[in-house]
Every structure is written in C-alpha cells, then in structure tokens.
Amino acid sequence: MKKLIKKYIKKDDKKLLHKLRISSRKKLSKLSLEKKSDLGLELLLKKSSSLRDTDVGLKICKNQKIKKYLKKKHKKLRKEFIFLLKSFKNEVVNKVSNEDILNISKCKNILQKSFLDRKENELHKIRLEIKKCRYTNSKYEKYLKKIQDSLGMVHDYYKCEKLMAKFGFDVKNIIKKKLKFIKKAEKARKTFLLLHQ
C-alpha cells in the first residue's frame, strides 16, 4: 500500500489510483471477516471516489467542453487527495456490527430481482454490495466480477449522461451505451443464479 501511495503522489496515473482503491477494498474486506475495519483506508476510499469519477469521465465523455471541465475538477481533487495521502495512516478498529460481510445466500438474495427495471442509483448500490460479496466470497469471484464490472460501466455512463445533460448536450448515444451494459449485467446476473442455485 505504501509503495502505491508513493507512486501515485509522484505520478498522476489513473491506473495507480484504481489499484490503490482496489487494494484498499480488498484489505477492508479481509478485515471485515475479523469484524474490524481500517479508518485510514475508509477515508482514502471516500476521498478518492470523486477523483476516480473524473478519470472515468475523461475516458468516456468525449465532448471537449466537458473534458475541459473535468480536467480542471481533477486537478483540484488530486491536490486535495495528495494532501491526504501525505499524512495517511492505517487505523485498524473493531467493528460492533458485521454489515460488510455478505455470505453467499445474502449475495444471491440481492441478485434475485432483474436489473432491467431498476434505476441507476439502485444499480450503483447493488454494485457496492456485489463488491462486498466478491471480496468476502472468493469462490464466486469470477462470476461476481462480471456483474460488478458491467454495473460499473452503467454507473460511469450515467455520470457522463448527467454531465452531458448539465452542459445541454444530446444524451441519446450515452443512454444507448448505458443500456447495453445494463443488459450485459442482467445476462451475468441470470448466469450466476443458474450456476449457483
């Protein structure tokens, strides 16, 4: 973790930020199995979320006006995040509840209802729950990752859609791409449930 932090402080690299976030989530998931958490990692994830959104937005949203807006926002957010990273400390604490551990039956229950008739904010919440499932049930990693990745793309296109609408641009093409990933997530959801009845 320390090596990743040092590398990211030196170089503004979206892949490094993504690795930093994945590594943090995995460590938090392992700690949750022991009914513990790390306040430093929780803060790192919280503070890097908007920064990660700008990285993804720059990749997905092709409009130059929006890219200019996102680059400016990215620069500001990165400066704030670097300040946090320079004073980063792990702080492992006991957790009273075990809400972050999702056994596979709870995971299956989350996946019972179709994704096709759900709103974006619901799909994003499901994606966060699927991450917990994935990191605490490694046996199902391959299948849950497909669902998580597709729902991640839905969220990314939704963010881009909101930005495009904010700037007054046509969003039909973005909505079409978003729907493609909702259908992909739905297919993966059905496959998972069929294979793990």
C-alpha atoms as a PDB file:
ATOM      1  CA  MET A   1       0.000   0.000   0.000  1.00  0.00           C
ATOM      2  CA  LYS A   2       2.785   2.419   0.914  1.00  0.00           C
ATOM      3  CA  LYS A   3       4.509   1.806  -2.431  1.00  0.00           C
ATOM      4  CA  LEU A   4       1.299   2.524  -4.342  1.00  0.00           C
ATOM      5  CA  ILE A   5       0.759   5.717  -2.353  1.00  0.00           C
ATOM      6  CA  LYS A   6       4.312   6.931  -3.064  1.00  0.00           C
ATOM      7  CA  LYS A   7       3.948   6.139  -6.767  1.00  0.00           C
ATOM      8  CA  TYR A   8       0.634   7.966  -7.028  1.00  0.00           C
ATOM      9  CA  ILE A   9       1.967  11.037  -5.201  1.00  0.00           C
ATOM     10  CA  LYS A  10       4.778  11.240  -7.774  1.00  0.00           C
ATOM     11  CA  LYS A  11       2.670  10.457 -10.844  1.00  0.00           C
ATOM     12  CA  ASP A  12      -0.924  11.313 -11.711  1.00  0.00           C
ATOM     13  CA  ASP A  13      -1.840   7.918 -13.134  1.00  0.00           C
ATOM     14  CA  LYS A  14      -5.452   6.689 -13.250  1.00  0.00           C
ATOM     15  CA  LYS A  15      -4.308   3.045 -13.226  1.00  0.00           C
ATOM     16  CA  LEU A  16      -2.364   3.614  -9.999  1.00  0.00           C
ATOM     17  CA  LEU A  17      -5.374   5.284  -8.397  1.00  0.00           C
ATOM     18  CA  HIS A  18      -7.562   2.351  -9.434  1.00  0.00           C
ATOM     19  CA  LYS A  19      -5.031  -0.139  -7.972  1.00  0.00           C
ATOM     20  CA  LEU A  20      -4.895   1.890  -4.774  1.00  0.00           C
ATOM     21  CA  ARG A  21      -8.683   1.743  -4.456  1.00  0.00           C
ATOM     22  CA  ILE A  22      -8.887  -1.994  -5.248  1.00  0.00           C
ATOM     23  CA  SER A  23      -6.123  -2.777  -2.768  1.00  0.00           C
ATOM     24  CA  SER A  24      -7.941  -0.746  -0.097  1.00  0.00           C
ATOM     25  CA  ARG A  25     -11.243  -2.530  -0.740  1.00  0.00           C
ATOM     26  CA  LYS A  26      -9.601  -5.951  -0.564  1.00  0.00           C
ATOM     27  CA  LYS A  27      -7.878  -5.127   2.732  1.00  0.00           C
ATOM     28  CA  LEU A  28     -11.113  -3.773   4.192  1.00  0.00           C
ATOM     29  CA  SER A  29     -12.985  -6.909   3.090  1.00  0.00           C
ATOM     30  CA  LYS A  30     -10.405  -9.153   4.759  1.00  0.00           C
ATOM     31  CA  LEU A  31     -10.563  -7.071   7.923  1.00  0.00           C
ATOM     32  CA  SER A  32     -14.368  -7.265   7.894  1.00  0.00           C
ATOM     33  CA  LEU A  33     -14.098 -11.053   8.217  1.00  0.00           C
ATOM     34  CA  GLU A  34     -12.433 -10.391  11.581  1.00  0.00           C
ATOM     35  CA  LYS A  35     -15.089  -7.789  12.484  1.00  0.00           C
ATOM     36  CA  LYS A  36     -12.540  -4.998  12.040  1.00  0.00           C
ATOM     37  CA  SER A  37     -12.037  -2.037   9.749  1.00  0.00           C
ATOM     38  CA  ASP A  38      -9.355   0.494   8.900  1.00  0.00           C
ATOM     39  CA  LEU A  39     -10.440   4.124   9.279  1.00  0.00           C
ATOM     40  CA  GLY A  40      -7.484   5.300   7.179  1.00  0.00           C
ATOM     41  CA  LEU A  41      -8.483   3.084   4.241  1.00  0.00           C
ATOM     42  CA  GLU A  42     -12.147   4.052   4.586  1.00  0.00           C
ATOM     43  CA  LEU A  43     -11.177   7.735   4.352  1.00  0.00           C
ATOM     44  CA  LEU A  44      -8.856   7.036   1.417  1.00  0.00           C
ATOM     45  CA  LEU A  45     -11.727   5.399  -0.500  1.00  0.00           C
ATOM     46  CA  LYS A  46     -14.167   8.159   0.359  1.00  0.00           C
ATOM     47  CA  LYS A  47     -11.803  10.969  -0.662  1.00  0.00           C
ATOM     48  CA  SER A  48     -10.665   9.283  -3.878  1.00  0.00           C
ATOM     49  CA  SER A  49     -14.155   8.473  -5.162  1.00  0.00           C
ATOM     50  CA  SER A  50     -14.805  11.793  -6.948  1.00  0.00           C
ATOM     51  CA  LEU A  51     -11.245  11.814  -8.260  1.00  0.00           C
ATOM     52  CA  ARG A  52     -11.782   8.376  -9.779  1.00  0.00           C
ATOM     53  CA  ASP A  53     -15.042   9.640 -11.308  1.00  0.00           C
ATOM     54  CA  THR A  54     -13.141  12.404 -13.121  1.00  0.00           C
ATOM     55  CA  ASP A  55     -10.663   9.833 -14.507  1.00  0.00           C
ATOM     56  CA  VAL A  56     -13.517   7.703 -15.824  1.00  0.00           C
ATOM     57  CA  GLY A  57     -15.417  10.739 -17.122  1.00  0.00           C
ATOM     58  CA  LEU A  58     -12.378  11.878 -19.100  1.00  0.00           C
ATOM     59  CA  LYS A  59     -12.240   8.458 -20.736  1.00  0.00           C
ATOM     60  CA  ILE A  60     -15.957   8.119 -21.502  1.00  0.00           C
ATOM     61  CA  CYS A  61     -17.223  11.660 -22.124  1.00  0.00           C
ATOM     62  CA  LYS A  62     -15.796  12.715 -25.482  1.00  0.00           C
ATOM     63  CA  ASN A  63     -17.082  16.305 -25.587  1.00  0.00           C
ATOM     64  CA  GLN A  64     -14.228  18.847 -25.376  1.00  0.00           C
ATOM     65  CA  LYS A  65     -16.158  21.289 -23.182  1.00  0.00           C
ATOM     66  CA  ILE A  66     -16.860  18.525 -20.653  1.00  0.00           C
ATOM     67  CA  LYS A  67     -13.257  17.269 -20.831  1.00  0.00           C
ATOM     68  CA  LYS A  68     -12.006  20.780 -20.024  1.00  0.00           C
ATOM     69  CA  TYR A  69     -14.393  20.959 -17.057  1.00  0.00           C
ATOM     70  CA  LEU A  70     -13.312  17.501 -15.814  1.00  0.00           C
ATOM     71  CA  LYS A  71      -9.580  18.279 -16.153  1.00  0.00           C
ATOM     72  CA  LYS A  72      -9.999  21.385 -14.000  1.00  0.00           C
ATOM     73  CA  LYS A  73     -12.017  19.430 -11.408  1.00  0.00           C
ATOM     74  CA  HIS A  74      -9.478  16.580 -11.499  1.00  0.00           C
ATOM     75  CA  LYS A  75      -6.583  18.928 -10.791  1.00  0.00           C
ATOM     76  CA  LYS A  76      -8.329  20.380  -7.726  1.00  0.00           C
ATOM     77  CA  LEU A  77      -9.420  16.975  -6.368  1.00  0.00           C
ATOM     78  CA  ARG A  78      -5.981  15.441  -6.912  1.00  0.00           C
ATOM     79  CA  LYS A  79      -4.335  18.264  -4.953  1.00  0.00           C
ATOM     80  CA  GLU A  80      -6.694  17.614  -2.017  1.00  0.00           C
ATOM     81  CA  PHE A  81      -6.158  13.842  -2.252  1.00  0.00           C
ATOM     82  CA  ILE A  82      -2.345  14.168  -2.323  1.00  0.00           C
ATOM     83  CA  PHE A  83      -2.582  16.222   0.882  1.00  0.00           C
ATOM     84  CA  LEU A  84      -4.484  13.308   2.488  1.00  0.00           C
ATOM     85  CA  LEU A  85      -2.034  10.687   1.153  1.00  0.00           C
ATOM     86  CA  LYS A  86       0.988  12.520   2.576  1.00  0.00           C
ATOM     87  CA  SER A  87      -0.431  12.131   6.071  1.00  0.00           C
ATOM     88  CA  PHE A  88      -2.029   8.696   5.512  1.00  0.00           C
ATOM     89  CA  LYS A  89      -2.080   6.300   8.481  1.00  0.00           C
ATOM     90  CA  ASN A  90      -3.694   2.917   8.922  1.00  0.00           C
ATOM     91  CA  GLU A  91      -6.023   2.852  11.916  1.00  0.00           C
ATOM     92  CA  VAL A  92      -7.477  -0.606  12.477  1.00  0.00           C
ATOM     93  CA  VAL A  93     -10.524  -0.635  14.760  1.00  0.00           C
ATOM     94  CA  ASN A  94     -13.031  -3.225  15.949  1.00  0.00           C
ATOM     95  CA  LYS A  95     -16.494  -3.075  14.423  1.00  0.00           C
ATOM     96  CA  VAL A  96     -19.559  -3.770  16.504  1.00  0.00           C
ATOM     97  CA  SER A  97     -21.646  -4.934  13.547  1.00  0.00           C
ATOM     98  CA  ASN A  98     -20.607  -7.236  10.760  1.00  0.00           C
ATOM     99  CA  GLU A  99     -22.531  -5.429   7.997  1.00  0.00           C
ATOM    100  CA  ASP A 100     -19.675  -5.608   5.455  1.00  0.00           C
ATOM    101  CA  ILE A 101     -19.641  -9.403   5.387  1.00  0.00           C
ATOM    102  CA  LEU A 102     -22.140 -10.792   2.961  1.00  0.00           C
ATOM    103  CA  ASN A 103     -22.462 -14.560   2.902  1.00  0.00           C
ATOM    104  CA  ILE A 104     -23.338 -16.073  -0.446  1.00  0.00           C
ATOM    105  CA  SER A 105     -27.024 -16.550   0.403  1.00  0.00           C
ATOM    106  CA  LYS A 106     -27.328 -12.784   1.040  1.00  0.00           C
ATOM    107  CA  CYS A 107     -25.492 -12.164  -2.230  1.00  0.00           C
ATOM    108  CA  LYS A 108     -27.904 -14.401  -4.134  1.00  0.00           C
ATOM    109  CA  ASN A 109     -30.815 -12.625  -2.495  1.00  0.00           C
ATOM    110  CA  ILE A 110     -29.504  -9.246  -3.730  1.00  0.00           C
ATOM    111  CA  LEU A 111     -29.405 -10.672  -7.260  1.00  0.00           C
ATOM    112  CA  GLN A 112     -32.948 -12.104  -7.326  1.00  0.00           C
ATOM    113  CA  LYS A 113     -34.606  -9.100  -8.986  1.00  0.00           C
ATOM    114  CA  SER A 114     -33.913  -8.124 -12.614  1.00  0.00           C
ATOM    115  CA  PHE A 115     -31.608  -5.170 -13.328  1.00  0.00           C
ATOM    116  CA  LEU A 116     -33.696  -4.129 -16.340  1.00  0.00           C
ATOM    117  CA  ASP A 117     -36.360  -2.228 -14.404  1.00  0.00           C
ATOM    118  CA  ARG A 118     -34.134  -0.589 -11.798  1.00  0.00           C
ATOM    119  CA  LYS A 119     -32.921   2.992 -11.536  1.00  0.00           C
ATOM    120  CA  GLU A 120     -29.241   3.917 -11.766  1.00  0.00           C
ATOM    121  CA  ASN A 121     -28.908   4.750  -8.063  1.00  0.00           C
ATOM    122  CA  GLU A 122     -30.326   1.304  -7.173  1.00  0.00           C
ATOM    123  CA  LEU A 123     -27.910  -0.387  -9.575  1.00  0.00           C
ATOM    124  CA  HIS A 124     -24.997   1.511  -8.034  1.00  0.00           C
ATOM    125  CA  LYS A 125     -25.986   0.363  -4.526  1.00  0.00           C
ATOM    126  CA  ILE A 126     -26.244  -3.216  -5.792  1.00  0.00           C
ATOM    127  CA  ARG A 127     -22.770  -2.880  -7.332  1.00  0.00           C
ATOM    128  CA  LEU A 128     -21.336  -1.826  -3.961  1.00  0.00           C
ATOM    129  CA  GLU A 129     -22.962  -4.846  -2.309  1.00  0.00           C
ATOM    130  CA  ILE A 130     -21.643  -7.132  -5.055  1.00  0.00           C
ATOM    131  CA  LYS A 131     -18.120  -5.849  -4.318  1.00  0.00           C
ATOM    132  CA  LYS A 132     -18.528  -6.923  -0.698  1.00  0.00           C
ATOM    133  CA  CYS A 133     -19.803 -10.311  -1.868  1.00  0.00           C
ATOM    134  CA  ARG A 134     -16.921 -10.704  -4.269  1.00  0.00           C
ATOM    135  CA  TYR A 135     -14.193  -9.798  -1.805  1.00  0.00           C
ATOM    136  CA  THR A 136     -15.575 -11.970   1.008  1.00  0.00           C
ATOM    137  CA  ASN A 137     -16.596 -14.981  -1.147  1.00  0.00           C
ATOM    138  CA  SER A 138     -13.577 -15.686  -3.346  1.00  0.00           C
ATOM    139  CA  LYS A 139     -15.109 -18.911  -4.675  1.00  0.00           C
ATOM    140  CA  TYR A 140     -17.575 -16.770  -6.668  1.00  0.00           C
ATOM    141  CA  GLU A 141     -15.083 -14.061  -7.691  1.00  0.00           C
ATOM    142  CA  LYS A 142     -15.155 -14.781 -11.437  1.00  0.00           C
ATOM    143  CA  TYR A 143     -18.940 -14.552 -11.758  1.00  0.00           C
ATOM    144  CA  LEU A 144     -19.449 -11.634  -9.391  1.00  0.00           C
ATOM    145  CA  LYS A 145     -16.698  -9.644 -11.132  1.00  0.00           C
ATOM    146  CA  LYS A 146     -18.631  -9.798 -14.441  1.00  0.00           C
ATOM    147  CA  ILE A 147     -21.697  -8.343 -12.741  1.00  0.00           C
ATOM    148  CA  GLN A 148     -19.657  -5.729 -10.870  1.00  0.00           C
ATOM    149  CA  ASP A 149     -17.770  -4.617 -13.999  1.00  0.00           C
ATOM    150  CA  SER A 150     -20.933  -4.251 -16.080  1.00  0.00           C
ATOM    151  CA  LEU A 151     -22.720  -2.310 -13.342  1.00  0.00           C
ATOM    152  CA  GLY A 152     -19.594  -0.163 -13.010  1.00  0.00           C
ATOM    153  CA  MET A 153     -19.858   0.782 -16.682  1.00  0.00           C
ATOM    154  CA  VAL A 154     -23.567   1.577 -16.185  1.00  0.00           C
ATOM    155  CA  HIS A 155     -22.593   3.959 -13.368  1.00  0.00           C
ATOM    156  CA  ASP A 156     -19.825   5.545 -15.454  1.00  0.00           C
ATOM    157  CA  TYR A 157     -22.142   6.178 -18.399  1.00  0.00           C
ATOM    158  CA  TYR A 158     -24.801   7.516 -16.034  1.00  0.00           C
ATOM    159  CA  LYS A 159     -22.307  10.043 -14.635  1.00  0.00           C
ATOM    160  CA  CYS A 160     -21.387  11.058 -18.184  1.00  0.00           C
ATOM    161  CA  GLU A 161     -25.079  11.317 -19.097  1.00  0.00           C
ATOM    162  CA  LYS A 162     -25.664  13.709 -16.182  1.00  0.00           C
ATOM    163  CA  LEU A 163     -22.689  15.858 -17.227  1.00  0.00           C
ATOM    164  CA  MET A 164     -23.792  15.951 -20.865  1.00  0.00           C
ATOM    165  CA  ALA A 165     -27.315  16.981 -19.800  1.00  0.00           C
ATOM    166  CA  LYS A 166     -25.881  19.638 -17.470  1.00  0.00           C
ATOM    167  CA  PHE A 167     -23.999  21.168 -20.401  1.00  0.00           C
ATOM    168  CA  GLY A 168     -27.057  20.884 -22.671  1.00  0.00           C
ATOM    169  CA  PHE A 169     -25.778  18.132 -24.984  1.00  0.00           C
ATOM    170  CA  ASP A 170     -27.759  15.290 -26.560  1.00  0.00           C
ATOM    171  CA  VAL A 171     -27.593  12.186 -24.352  1.00  0.00           C
ATOM    172  CA  LYS A 172     -29.222   9.578 -26.637  1.00  0.00           C
ATOM    173  CA  ASN A 173     -25.939   7.889 -27.567  1.00  0.00           C
ATOM    174  CA  ILE A 174     -24.767   7.738 -23.933  1.00  0.00           C
ATOM    175  CA  ILE A 175     -28.114   6.272 -22.818  1.00  0.00           C
ATOM    176  CA  LYS A 176     -27.838   3.637 -25.555  1.00  0.00           C
ATOM    177  CA  LYS A 177     -24.364   2.613 -24.296  1.00  0.00           C
ATOM    178  CA  LYS A 178     -25.579   2.578 -20.692  1.00  0.00           C
ATOM    179  CA  LEU A 179     -28.482   0.278 -21.621  1.00  0.00           C
ATOM    180  CA  LYS A 180     -26.056  -2.073 -23.375  1.00  0.00           C
ATOM    181  CA  PHE A 181     -24.192  -2.564 -20.084  1.00  0.00           C
ATOM    182  CA  ILE A 182     -27.426  -2.963 -18.092  1.00  0.00           C
ATOM    183  CA  LYS A 183     -28.332  -5.839 -20.437  1.00  0.00           C
ATOM    184  CA  LYS A 184     -24.830  -7.298 -20.068  1.00  0.00           C
ATOM    185  CA  ALA A 185     -25.130  -7.117 -16.255  1.00  0.00           C
ATOM    186  CA  GLU A 186     -28.563  -8.734 -16.447  1.00  0.00           C
ATOM    187  CA  LYS A 187     -27.194 -11.619 -18.512  1.00  0.00           C
ATOM    188  CA  ALA A 188     -24.360 -12.121 -15.988  1.00  0.00           C
ATOM    189  CA  ARG A 189     -26.869 -11.969 -13.114  1.00  0.00           C
ATOM    190  CA  LYS A 190     -29.013 -14.722 -14.654  1.00  0.00           C
ATOM    191  CA  THR A 191     -25.956 -16.859 -15.406  1.00  0.00           C
ATOM    192  CA  PHE A 192     -24.708 -16.511 -11.821  1.00  0.00           C
ATOM    193  CA  LEU A 193     -28.073 -17.566 -10.379  1.00  0.00           C
ATOM    194  CA  LEU A 194     -28.342 -20.531 -12.756  1.00  0.00           C
ATOM    195  CA  LEU A 195     -24.855 -21.781 -11.901  1.00  0.00           C
ATOM    196  CA  HIS A 196     -25.210 -21.237  -8.154  1.00  0.00           C
ATOM    197  CA  GLN A 197     -28.694 -22.411  -7.226  1.00  0.00           C
END
